[in-house]
Amino acid sequence: MNIPVKVTQEAEADLKSARVWYESQQPGLGTDFRDKIEELLVRIEDSPRQFAAEYDDVRMAVPEKYPYVVYFRIMKRFIQVFAIHHGRRDPAAWKSRL
Protein backbone atom coordinates (compact mmCIF):
# COMPACT_ATOMS: atom_id res chain seq x y z
CA MET A 1 0.00 0.00 0.00
CA ASN A 2 2.74 2.46 1.05
CA ILE A 3 0.72 5.56 1.99
CA PRO A 4 2.82 8.36 3.55
CA VAL A 5 2.58 8.78 7.31
CA LYS A 6 1.99 12.26 8.74
CA VAL A 7 2.52 12.71 12.47
CA THR A 8 0.55 15.51 14.12
CA GLN A 9 2.24 18.03 16.39
CA GLU A 10 0.49 16.49 19.39
CA ALA A 11 1.82 13.02 18.55
CA GLU A 12 5.32 14.49 18.02
CA ALA A 13 5.04 16.03 21.49
CA ASP A 14 3.98 12.64 22.91
CA LEU A 15 7.02 11.02 21.32
CA LYS A 16 9.40 13.68 22.58
CA SER A 17 8.03 13.53 26.12
CA ALA A 18 8.33 9.74 26.28
CA ARG A 19 11.79 9.79 24.72
CA VAL A 20 13.03 12.35 27.26
CA TRP A 21 11.58 10.29 30.13
CA TYR A 22 13.21 7.07 28.91
CA GLU A 23 16.52 8.85 28.37
CA SER A 24 16.38 10.14 31.96
CA GLN A 25 15.95 6.57 33.19
CA GLN A 26 18.96 5.22 31.28
CA PRO A 27 21.22 6.87 28.72
CA GLY A 28 20.46 5.53 25.24
CA LEU A 29 17.02 4.22 26.17
CA GLY A 30 15.28 7.31 24.78
CA THR A 31 17.03 6.83 21.45
CA ASP A 32 16.05 3.16 21.42
CA PHE A 33 12.43 4.12 22.11
CA ARG A 34 12.45 6.64 19.26
CA ASP A 35 13.99 4.04 16.93
CA LYS A 36 11.30 1.47 17.80
CA ILE A 37 8.57 4.03 17.10
CA GLU A 38 10.18 4.95 13.77
CA GLU A 39 10.37 1.25 12.82
CA LEU A 40 6.69 0.91 13.68
CA LEU A 41 5.79 3.94 11.56
CA VAL A 42 7.48 2.27 8.58
CA ARG A 43 5.39 -0.86 9.18
CA ILE A 44 2.26 1.28 9.38
CA GLU A 45 3.17 3.02 6.14
CA ASP A 46 3.80 -0.29 4.38
CA SER A 47 0.67 -2.07 5.54
CA PRO A 48 -1.68 -0.02 7.74
CA ARG A 49 -4.60 -2.44 7.57
CA GLN A 50 -2.63 -5.14 9.38
CA PHE A 51 -3.35 -3.25 12.60
CA ALA A 52 -6.65 -3.62 14.41
CA ALA A 53 -9.30 -0.93 14.52
CA GLU A 54 -9.69 0.21 18.11
CA TYR A 55 -12.38 2.87 17.88
CA ASP A 56 -14.40 3.52 14.72
CA ASP A 57 -11.75 4.13 12.04
CA VAL A 58 -8.88 4.56 14.51
CA ARG A 59 -6.25 1.85 14.37
CA MET A 60 -3.60 1.05 16.92
CA ALA A 61 -0.09 -0.33 16.72
CA VAL A 62 2.27 -1.30 19.53
CA PRO A 63 6.04 -0.93 19.20
CA GLU A 64 8.40 -3.72 20.11
CA LYS A 65 9.55 -3.66 23.75
CA TYR A 66 7.67 -0.55 24.97
CA PRO A 67 4.19 -0.18 26.54
CA TYR A 68 3.09 2.55 24.15
CA VAL A 69 0.38 2.61 21.51
CA VAL A 70 0.45 4.54 18.23
CA TYR A 71 -3.05 5.65 17.25
CA PHE A 72 -3.67 6.45 13.59
CA ARG A 73 -6.28 6.79 10.86
CA ILE A 74 -6.06 5.91 7.20
CA MET A 75 -7.06 8.98 5.23
CA LYS A 76 -7.45 9.24 1.44
CA ARG A 77 -3.91 10.43 0.69
CA PHE A 78 -1.98 9.77 3.90
CA ILE A 79 -2.00 8.07 7.28
CA GLN A 80 -2.54 10.42 10.19
CA VAL A 81 -0.80 9.53 13.45
CA PHE A 82 -2.46 11.63 16.11
CA ALA A 83 -1.31 10.08 19.40
CA ILE A 84 1.52 8.05 20.88
CA HIS A 85 0.31 7.17 24.35
CA HIS A 86 1.33 4.88 27.16
CA GLY A 87 -0.91 1.83 27.08
CA ARG A 88 -2.13 2.39 30.64
CA ARG A 89 -3.07 6.01 30.14
CA ASP A 90 -6.69 7.09 30.09
CA PRO A 91 -7.97 6.57 26.52
CA ALA A 92 -10.03 9.75 26.79
CA ALA A 93 -6.77 11.66 26.30
CA TRP A 94 -6.27 10.44 22.74
CA LYS A 95 -9.96 10.34 21.90
CA SER A 96 -10.18 14.08 22.57
CA ARG A 97 -7.84 14.60 19.59
CA LEU A 98 -10.28 13.14 17.06
C-alpha atoms as a PDB file:
ATOM      1  CA  MET A   1       0.000   0.000   0.000  1.00  0.00           C
ATOM      2  CA  ASN A   2       2.739   2.460   1.046  1.00  0.00           C
ATOM      3  CA  ILE A   3       0.724   5.560   1.989  1.00  0.00           C
ATOM      4  CA  PRO A   4       2.818   8.358   3.551  1.00  0.00           C
ATOM      5  CA  VAL A   5       2.579   8.782   7.313  1.00  0.00           C
ATOM      6  CA  LYS A   6       1.994  12.256   8.740  1.00  0.00           C
ATOM      7  CA  VAL A   7       2.517  12.713  12.471  1.00  0.00           C
ATOM      8  CA  THR A   8       0.547  15.512  14.123  1.00  0.00           C
ATOM      9  CA  GLN A   9       2.243  18.031  16.395  1.00  0.00           C
ATOM     10  CA  GLU A  10       0.489  16.486  19.392  1.00  0.00           C
ATOM     11  CA  ALA A  11       1.823  13.019  18.546  1.00  0.00           C
ATOM     12  CA  GLU A  12       5.316  14.493  18.019  1.00  0.00           C
ATOM     13  CA  ALA A  13       5.038  16.029  21.492  1.00  0.00           C
ATOM     14  CA  ASP A  14       3.978  12.641  22.907  1.00  0.00           C
ATOM     15  CA  LEU A  15       7.020  11.017  21.316  1.00  0.00           C
ATOM     16  CA  LYS A  16       9.403  13.676  22.575  1.00  0.00           C
ATOM     17  CA  SER A  17       8.034  13.528  26.117  1.00  0.00           C
ATOM     18  CA  ALA A  18       8.329   9.744  26.285  1.00  0.00           C
ATOM     19  CA  ARG A  19      11.795   9.792  24.716  1.00  0.00           C
ATOM     20  CA  VAL A  20      13.031  12.349  27.263  1.00  0.00           C
ATOM     21  CA  TRP A  21      11.581  10.293  30.127  1.00  0.00           C
ATOM     22  CA  TYR A  22      13.213   7.067  28.905  1.00  0.00           C
ATOM     23  CA  GLU A  23      16.519   8.849  28.375  1.00  0.00           C
ATOM     24  CA  SER A  24      16.377  10.144  31.963  1.00  0.00           C
ATOM     25  CA  GLN A  25      15.955   6.574  33.191  1.00  0.00           C
ATOM     26  CA  GLN A  26      18.962   5.221  31.283  1.00  0.00           C
ATOM     27  CA  PRO A  27      21.224   6.872  28.717  1.00  0.00           C
ATOM     28  CA  GLY A  28      20.457   5.535  25.238  1.00  0.00           C
ATOM     29  CA  LEU A  29      17.021   4.221  26.168  1.00  0.00           C
ATOM     30  CA  GLY A  30      15.281   7.314  24.782  1.00  0.00           C
ATOM     31  CA  THR A  31      17.034   6.827  21.455  1.00  0.00           C
ATOM     32  CA  ASP A  32      16.046   3.161  21.415  1.00  0.00           C
ATOM     33  CA  PHE A  33      12.425   4.117  22.113  1.00  0.00           C
ATOM     34  CA  ARG A  34      12.448   6.636  19.257  1.00  0.00           C
ATOM     35  CA  ASP A  35      13.989   4.044  16.930  1.00  0.00           C
ATOM     36  CA  LYS A  36      11.298   1.472  17.797  1.00  0.00           C
ATOM     37  CA  ILE A  37       8.570   4.028  17.103  1.00  0.00           C
ATOM     38  CA  GLU A  38      10.177   4.947  13.768  1.00  0.00           C
ATOM     39  CA  GLU A  39      10.367   1.250  12.816  1.00  0.00           C
ATOM     40  CA  LEU A  40       6.688   0.907  13.677  1.00  0.00           C
ATOM     41  CA  LEU A  41       5.792   3.941  11.565  1.00  0.00           C
ATOM     42  CA  VAL A  42       7.482   2.275   8.576  1.00  0.00           C
ATOM     43  CA  ARG A  43       5.393  -0.863   9.177  1.00  0.00           C
ATOM     44  CA  ILE A  44       2.257   1.282   9.383  1.00  0.00           C
ATOM     45  CA  GLU A  45       3.170   3.024   6.139  1.00  0.00           C
ATOM     46  CA  ASP A  46       3.800  -0.294   4.381  1.00  0.00           C
ATOM     47  CA  SER A  47       0.667  -2.071   5.539  1.00  0.00           C
ATOM     48  CA  PRO A  48      -1.681  -0.017   7.743  1.00  0.00           C
ATOM     49  CA  ARG A  49      -4.597  -2.438   7.566  1.00  0.00           C
ATOM     50  CA  GLN A  50      -2.634  -5.138   9.375  1.00  0.00           C
ATOM     51  CA  PHE A  51      -3.353  -3.248  12.600  1.00  0.00           C
ATOM     52  CA  ALA A  52      -6.653  -3.618  14.408  1.00  0.00           C
ATOM     53  CA  ALA A  53      -9.305  -0.930  14.520  1.00  0.00           C
ATOM     54  CA  GLU A  54      -9.691   0.215  18.112  1.00  0.00           C
ATOM     55  CA  TYR A  55     -12.379   2.869  17.880  1.00  0.00           C
ATOM     56  CA  ASP A  56     -14.398   3.523  14.721  1.00  0.00           C
ATOM     57  CA  ASP A  57     -11.754   4.127  12.038  1.00  0.00           C
ATOM     58  CA  VAL A  58      -8.883   4.560  14.510  1.00  0.00           C
ATOM     59  CA  ARG A  59      -6.252   1.845  14.374  1.00  0.00           C
ATOM     60  CA  MET A  60      -3.601   1.051  16.922  1.00  0.00           C
ATOM     61  CA  ALA A  61      -0.092  -0.332  16.719  1.00  0.00           C
ATOM     62  CA  VAL A  62       2.273  -1.305  19.531  1.00  0.00           C
ATOM     63  CA  PRO A  63       6.043  -0.928  19.201  1.00  0.00           C
ATOM     64  CA  GLU A  64       8.397  -3.723  20.107  1.00  0.00           C
ATOM     65  CA  LYS A  65       9.552  -3.657  23.750  1.00  0.00           C
ATOM     66  CA  TYR A  66       7.668  -0.549  24.969  1.00  0.00           C
ATOM     67  CA  PRO A  67       4.186  -0.184  26.540  1.00  0.00           C
ATOM     68  CA  TYR A  68       3.085   2.553  24.152  1.00  0.00           C
ATOM     69  CA  VAL A  69       0.384   2.612  21.508  1.00  0.00           C
ATOM     70  CA  VAL A  70       0.449   4.544  18.232  1.00  0.00           C
ATOM     71  CA  TYR A  71      -3.050   5.645  17.247  1.00  0.00           C
ATOM     72  CA  PHE A  72      -3.672   6.454  13.594  1.00  0.00           C
ATOM     73  CA  ARG A  73      -6.278   6.789  10.861  1.00  0.00           C
ATOM     74  CA  ILE A  74      -6.057   5.906   7.204  1.00  0.00           C
ATOM     75  CA  MET A  75      -7.061   8.984   5.235  1.00  0.00           C
ATOM     76  CA  LYS A  76      -7.447   9.239   1.442  1.00  0.00           C
ATOM     77  CA  ARG A  77      -3.911  10.435   0.692  1.00  0.00           C
ATOM     78  CA  PHE A  78      -1.981   9.772   3.896  1.00  0.00           C
ATOM     79  CA  ILE A  79      -2.002   8.066   7.275  1.00  0.00           C
ATOM     80  CA  GLN A  80      -2.539  10.424  10.186  1.00  0.00           C
ATOM     81  CA  VAL A  81      -0.796   9.528  13.454  1.00  0.00           C
ATOM     82  CA  PHE A  82      -2.458  11.632  16.110  1.00  0.00           C
ATOM     83  CA  ALA A  83      -1.311  10.076  19.396  1.00  0.00           C
ATOM     84  CA  ILE A  84       1.520   8.053  20.876  1.00  0.00           C
ATOM     85  CA  HIS A  85       0.312   7.169  24.354  1.00  0.00           C
ATOM     86  CA  HIS A  86       1.328   4.884  27.162  1.00  0.00           C
ATOM     87  CA  GLY A  87      -0.915   1.829  27.083  1.00  0.00           C
ATOM     88  CA  ARG A  88      -2.132   2.390  30.639  1.00  0.00           C
ATOM     89  CA  ARG A  89      -3.066   6.011  30.139  1.00  0.00           C
ATOM     90  CA  ASP A  90      -6.691   7.090  30.092  1.00  0.00           C
ATOM     91  CA  PRO A  91      -7.973   6.567  26.517  1.00  0.00           C
ATOM     92  CA  ALA A  92     -10.030   9.745  26.793  1.00  0.00           C
ATOM     93  CA  ALA A  93      -6.769  11.663  26.299  1.00  0.00           C
ATOM     94  CA  TRP A  94      -6.266  10.439  22.736  1.00  0.00           C
ATOM     95  CA  LYS A  95      -9.961  10.344  21.897  1.00  0.00           C
ATOM     96  CA  SER A  96     -10.180  14.082  22.569  1.00  0.00           C
ATOM     97  CA  ARG A  97      -7.841  14.603  19.590  1.00  0.00           C
ATOM     98  CA  LEU A  98     -10.276  13.145  17.062  1.00  0.00           C
END
